[in-house]
Amino acid sequence: MELVELQLSELPNPLLGPPWTDCAPIDAGIVKSIAKAVWIPPNKVVRSQFQTRYDHICRIAWLVGNYSLWNPITIMKTWPANWPIKDGNHRVAAAYVKGLETIRANVL
């Protein structure tokens, strides 16, 4: 495994075409509003609890406000045609919301 700094623009934006089942595109403005105005319950940020679009929005909003806690994402060295991200879709979405240019990634 190799740790690299990737240009965010090289990765698909999970907000525009969410990889999660039955989840419509997510507006960054909604995420920012929730990050600022809403207390996000701990059960909305635990990895196994994402079942609704709102759960995904809450997870992304929590990550926007807790950037220092992020781990590197994991991507496949040989990227599948449509989605290279193996682990870290919420972190990538939060990076887009925050306007970051790069993100740390472990390459498998």
Protein backbone atom coordinates (compact mmCIF):
# COMPACT_ATOMS: atom_id res chain seq x y z
CA MET A 1 0.00 0.00 0.00
CA GLU A 2 1.31 3.45 -0.92
CA LEU A 3 0.23 6.73 0.74
CA VAL A 4 -0.11 9.59 -1.76
CA GLU A 5 -1.59 13.08 -2.01
CA LEU A 6 -4.19 13.10 -4.81
CA GLN A 7 -5.73 16.03 -6.62
CA LEU A 8 -9.37 15.95 -5.65
CA SER A 9 -10.31 16.79 -9.24
CA GLU A 10 -8.97 13.34 -10.26
CA LEU A 11 -11.69 11.62 -8.24
CA PRO A 12 -15.42 11.39 -8.91
CA ASN A 13 -17.58 13.68 -6.79
CA PRO A 14 -19.88 11.57 -4.56
CA LEU A 15 -22.20 14.56 -4.16
CA LEU A 16 -23.06 14.64 -7.86
CA GLY A 17 -23.44 10.91 -8.39
CA PRO A 18 -23.67 9.24 -4.99
CA PRO A 19 -22.33 5.68 -4.91
CA TRP A 20 -24.79 4.77 -2.16
CA THR A 21 -27.90 2.77 -2.98
CA ASP A 22 -31.07 4.83 -3.41
CA CYS A 23 -29.35 8.17 -2.77
CA ALA A 24 -30.10 11.16 -4.98
CA PRO A 25 -27.42 13.82 -5.60
CA ILE A 26 -26.58 15.92 -2.54
CA ASP A 27 -26.29 19.71 -2.62
CA ALA A 28 -23.16 21.03 -0.86
CA GLY A 29 -25.25 23.88 0.56
CA ILE A 30 -27.43 21.43 2.47
CA VAL A 31 -24.35 19.77 3.93
CA LYS A 32 -22.91 23.15 5.00
CA SER A 33 -26.22 24.15 6.61
CA ILE A 34 -26.41 20.95 8.62
CA ALA A 35 -22.73 21.21 9.59
CA LYS A 36 -23.35 24.70 11.02
CA ALA A 37 -26.84 24.46 12.47
CA VAL A 38 -27.58 20.91 13.54
CA TRP A 39 -26.18 18.76 16.30
CA ILE A 40 -25.39 15.49 14.59
CA PRO A 41 -26.22 12.46 16.76
CA PRO A 42 -23.32 10.02 17.20
CA ASN A 43 -25.35 7.21 15.58
CA LYS A 44 -25.43 9.27 12.36
CA VAL A 45 -21.65 9.18 12.00
CA VAL A 46 -21.00 5.52 12.76
CA ARG A 47 -20.06 3.67 9.60
CA SER A 48 -22.64 0.86 9.85
CA GLN A 49 -25.60 3.18 10.39
CA PHE A 50 -25.96 4.73 6.91
CA GLN A 51 -29.34 3.73 5.59
CA THR A 52 -30.95 6.92 4.28
CA ARG A 53 -29.90 9.93 2.24
CA TYR A 54 -30.12 12.02 5.43
CA ASP A 55 -27.70 9.61 7.16
CA HIS A 56 -25.17 10.20 4.37
CA ILE A 57 -25.68 13.98 4.55
CA CYS A 58 -25.11 13.89 8.32
CA ARG A 59 -21.93 11.85 7.95
CA ILE A 60 -20.56 14.25 5.34
CA ALA A 61 -21.54 17.27 7.48
CA TRP A 62 -19.80 15.75 10.51
CA LEU A 63 -16.64 15.19 8.45
CA VAL A 64 -16.73 18.80 7.21
CA GLY A 65 -16.58 19.94 10.84
CA ASN A 66 -14.04 17.33 11.97
CA TYR A 67 -11.41 17.48 9.25
CA SER A 68 -8.55 16.82 11.69
CA LEU A 69 -9.92 13.33 12.40
CA TRP A 70 -9.87 12.14 8.78
CA ASN A 71 -7.94 9.04 7.82
CA PRO A 72 -6.65 8.65 4.25
CA ILE A 73 -9.16 7.29 1.76
CA THR A 74 -8.43 4.02 -0.05
CA ILE A 75 -8.44 3.78 -3.81
CA MET A 76 -7.69 0.99 -6.27
CA LYS A 77 -4.45 1.30 -8.24
CA THR A 78 -6.23 0.02 -11.31
CA TRP A 79 -9.32 2.16 -11.17
CA PRO A 80 -12.61 0.58 -12.13
CA ALA A 81 -14.18 2.41 -15.06
CA ASN A 82 -16.66 4.33 -12.98
CA TRP A 83 -15.57 4.37 -9.31
CA PRO A 84 -11.99 4.10 -7.96
CA ILE A 85 -12.83 4.78 -4.31
CA LYS A 86 -12.86 1.63 -2.23
CA ASP A 87 -13.17 3.36 1.17
CA GLY A 88 -13.74 7.06 1.86
CA ASN A 89 -16.65 8.27 -0.25
CA HIS A 90 -17.98 10.42 2.60
CA ARG A 91 -14.50 11.94 3.14
CA VAL A 92 -14.21 12.72 -0.57
CA ALA A 93 -17.66 14.33 -0.53
CA ALA A 94 -16.67 16.39 2.53
CA ALA A 95 -13.44 17.44 0.80
CA TYR A 96 -15.49 18.75 -2.13
CA VAL A 97 -17.78 20.64 0.28
CA LYS A 98 -14.76 22.15 2.05
CA GLY A 99 -13.23 23.18 -1.27
CA LEU A 100 -10.02 21.22 -0.73
CA GLU A 101 -7.69 20.67 -3.66
CA THR A 102 -6.02 17.48 -2.44
CA ILE A 103 -6.78 14.45 -0.28
CA ARG A 104 -4.53 11.77 1.21
CA ALA A 105 -5.09 8.31 -0.19
CA ASN A 106 -3.80 4.81 0.31
CA VAL A 107 -3.41 3.16 -3.08
CA LEU A 108 -3.96 -0.61 -3.24
